[in-house]
Protein backbone atom coordinates (compact mmCIF):
# COMPACT_ATOMS: atom_id res chain seq x y z
CA MET A 1 0.15 -0.10 -0.13
CA SER A 2 1.19 3.32 -1.08
CA TRP A 3 1.40 6.58 0.80
CA HIS A 4 -0.38 8.56 -1.52
CA SER A 5 -3.80 5.33 -1.70
CA MET A 6 -3.83 6.00 2.05
CA GLY A 7 -4.81 9.78 1.65
CA LEU A 8 -1.21 10.78 3.45
CA GLY A 9 0.51 12.55 0.13
CA GLY A 10 3.40 11.58 -2.04
CA PRO A 11 3.88 11.00 -5.19
CA PRO A 12 0.97 8.30 -7.12
CA THR A 13 2.65 5.14 -7.60
CA PRO A 14 3.04 4.11 -11.70
CA TYR A 15 -0.13 1.52 -11.34
CA GLU A 16 -2.43 4.47 -10.09
CA THR A 17 -2.11 6.38 -12.98
CA GLY A 18 -4.21 5.93 -15.82
CA PRO A 19 -2.70 5.21 -19.39
CA GLU A 20 -1.96 8.02 -21.77
CA PRO A 21 -4.81 8.68 -24.27
CA ALA A 22 -3.25 7.42 -27.67
CA GLU A 23 -3.73 9.65 -30.64
CA PRO A 24 -5.31 8.52 -33.11
CA HIS A 25 -3.50 10.31 -35.99
CA SER A 26 0.15 11.66 -34.98
CA VAL A 27 2.07 13.97 -37.18
CA SER A 28 5.46 12.82 -36.29
CA ARG A 29 4.38 9.79 -38.37
CA GLU A 30 3.76 11.62 -41.43
CA PRO A 31 6.76 11.63 -44.07
CA THR A 32 6.70 15.36 -44.69
CA TYR A 33 7.17 15.49 -40.96
CA GLN A 34 9.93 13.09 -41.21
CA SER A 35 11.84 15.01 -44.04
CA LEU A 36 11.35 17.78 -42.39
CA ARG A 37 13.77 16.42 -39.34
CA ARG A 38 15.87 14.88 -41.64
CA SER A 39 16.67 18.35 -43.57
CA HIS A 40 16.88 20.73 -40.09
CA ARG A 41 19.21 17.87 -38.50
CA ARG A 42 21.38 17.59 -41.98
CA PHE A 43 21.84 21.65 -41.78
CA GLY A 44 22.32 21.43 -37.98
CA VAL A 45 25.15 19.13 -38.61
CA ARG A 46 26.74 20.49 -41.27
CA ALA A 47 26.52 24.49 -39.71
CA THR A 48 27.87 22.86 -36.37
CA ALA A 49 31.02 21.06 -38.49
CA VAL A 50 31.77 24.34 -40.55
CA ALA A 51 32.25 26.22 -36.75
CA VAL A 52 33.72 23.61 -34.93
CA GLY A 53 35.60 23.09 -37.97
CA GLY A 54 36.95 27.28 -38.37
CA PHE A 55 38.00 27.17 -34.61
CA LEU A 56 39.73 24.21 -34.01
CA LEU A 57 41.98 25.40 -37.73
CA TYR A 58 42.25 28.55 -35.61
CA VAL A 59 43.36 27.18 -32.51
CA LEU A 60 45.72 24.82 -34.04
CA LEU A 61 47.38 27.64 -36.44
CA SER A 62 47.61 29.78 -33.48
CA SER A 63 49.38 26.48 -31.57
CA PHE A 64 51.57 24.96 -34.28
CA ALA A 65 52.54 27.60 -36.64
CA PRO A 66 52.97 30.95 -34.51
CA GLY A 67 55.12 32.20 -37.06
CA LEU A 68 52.44 32.27 -39.43
CA MET A 69 50.19 33.71 -37.32
CA ASN A 70 52.65 36.54 -36.55
CA THR A 71 52.95 36.98 -40.65
CA THR A 72 51.49 41.08 -40.56
CA VAL A 73 48.70 41.55 -43.10
CA SER A 74 48.77 45.21 -43.17
CA GLY A 75 50.41 48.07 -40.52
CA HIS A 76 49.58 46.28 -37.32
CA LEU A 77 47.52 43.38 -38.27
CA THR A 78 48.63 40.07 -38.05
CA LEU A 79 47.34 36.62 -39.98
CA GLY A 80 46.14 36.03 -36.41
CA LEU A 81 44.31 38.68 -35.98
CA ALA A 82 42.78 38.61 -39.02
CA LEU A 83 41.41 34.74 -38.40
CA GLY A 84 40.41 35.49 -35.55
CA LEU A 85 38.30 38.76 -36.77
CA GLY A 86 37.22 35.66 -39.05
CA GLN A 87 35.35 33.50 -36.43
CA PHE A 88 32.92 36.54 -35.91
CA VAL A 89 32.38 36.44 -39.74
CA LEU A 90 31.98 32.52 -40.32
CA MET A 91 29.51 32.99 -36.87
CA GLY A 92 27.60 35.88 -39.01
CA VAL A 93 27.45 33.80 -42.20
CA ILE A 94 26.09 30.79 -40.23
CA VAL A 95 23.51 32.50 -38.72
CA TRP A 96 22.84 33.88 -41.71
CA ARG A 97 22.54 30.85 -43.77
CA TYR A 98 20.26 29.17 -40.75
CA LEU A 99 17.82 31.81 -41.47
CA VAL A 100 17.60 31.81 -45.03
CA HIS A 101 17.22 28.16 -44.12
CA ILE A 102 14.36 28.39 -41.90
CA ARG A 103 12.59 30.67 -44.50
CA THR A 104 12.72 28.56 -47.36
CA ARG A 105 12.82 24.99 -46.23
CA VAL A 106 11.33 24.65 -42.80
CA THR A 107 8.31 27.00 -43.03
CA PRO A 108 6.28 26.32 -45.64
CA VAL A 109 6.48 22.50 -44.65
CA VAL A 110 5.30 23.83 -40.87
CA ARG A 111 2.22 25.41 -42.34
CA GLY A 112 1.27 22.58 -44.15
CA LEU A 113 1.78 20.56 -41.42
CA ARG A 114 -0.10 22.63 -39.47
CA GLY A 115 -2.76 22.81 -41.51
CA LEU A 116 -3.07 18.88 -41.65
CA VAL A 117 -3.15 19.05 -37.72
CA ARG A 118 -6.24 21.63 -37.89
CA HIS A 119 -7.95 19.48 -40.86
CA HIS A 120 -7.58 15.92 -38.38
CA GLU A 121 -8.57 18.19 -35.27
CA THR A 122 -11.85 19.42 -37.10
CA ALA A 123 -12.73 15.95 -38.27
CA ALA A 124 -12.08 14.34 -34.72
CA ARG A 125 -14.35 17.07 -33.45
CA GLU A 126 -17.24 16.23 -36.33
CA ARG A 127 -16.98 12.38 -35.71
CA ALA A 128 -17.48 12.98 -31.89
CA ALA A 129 -20.22 15.30 -32.34
CA PHE A 130 -21.67 13.23 -34.65
CA GLU A 131 -21.22 9.93 -32.47
CA THR A 132 -22.90 11.65 -29.26
CA ARG A 133 -25.57 12.83 -31.78
CA THR A 134 -26.42 8.63 -32.97
CA ALA A 135 -25.21 7.09 -29.72
CA PRO A 136 -28.55 5.10 -28.45
CA ARG A 137 -30.11 6.89 -25.48
CA GLU A 138 -30.44 4.76 -22.14
CA GLU A 139 -33.98 5.42 -20.70
CA GLU A 140 -34.22 8.76 -19.26
CA PHE A 141 -36.22 9.44 -15.86
CA ARG A 142 -37.30 12.71 -15.86
CA PRO A 143 -39.40 14.00 -12.54
CA TRP A 144 -42.83 15.22 -12.96
């Protein structure tokens, strides 16, 4: 016997909670949703690889080629400083490409999936309303 069943508080045991209602139609099973996930994941992996690769290149050059990194490019600007500032440019380009990716590939698909979900919700509501109207009624006892 649990504390919860005796009315003494505490979290309910797993068997005392009801099962979660199963969704009749889940968007996650849609092929469009699956392709959206793959596309978004692929972009994230590529963007992360470019960002980490650029930073790793900078760190390795700083560690193993200090003479090259101290090469003067213009005035007091060295190659190491230029590459360090280039990290900000690289991050800006990655963010810009992410925004373009979201606007062109993700947003249109999400809008279509939202419409599909709304359609399924409306159909389910109409089906439930129809079933309540056509369900056989039990004998009703009304007071005089």
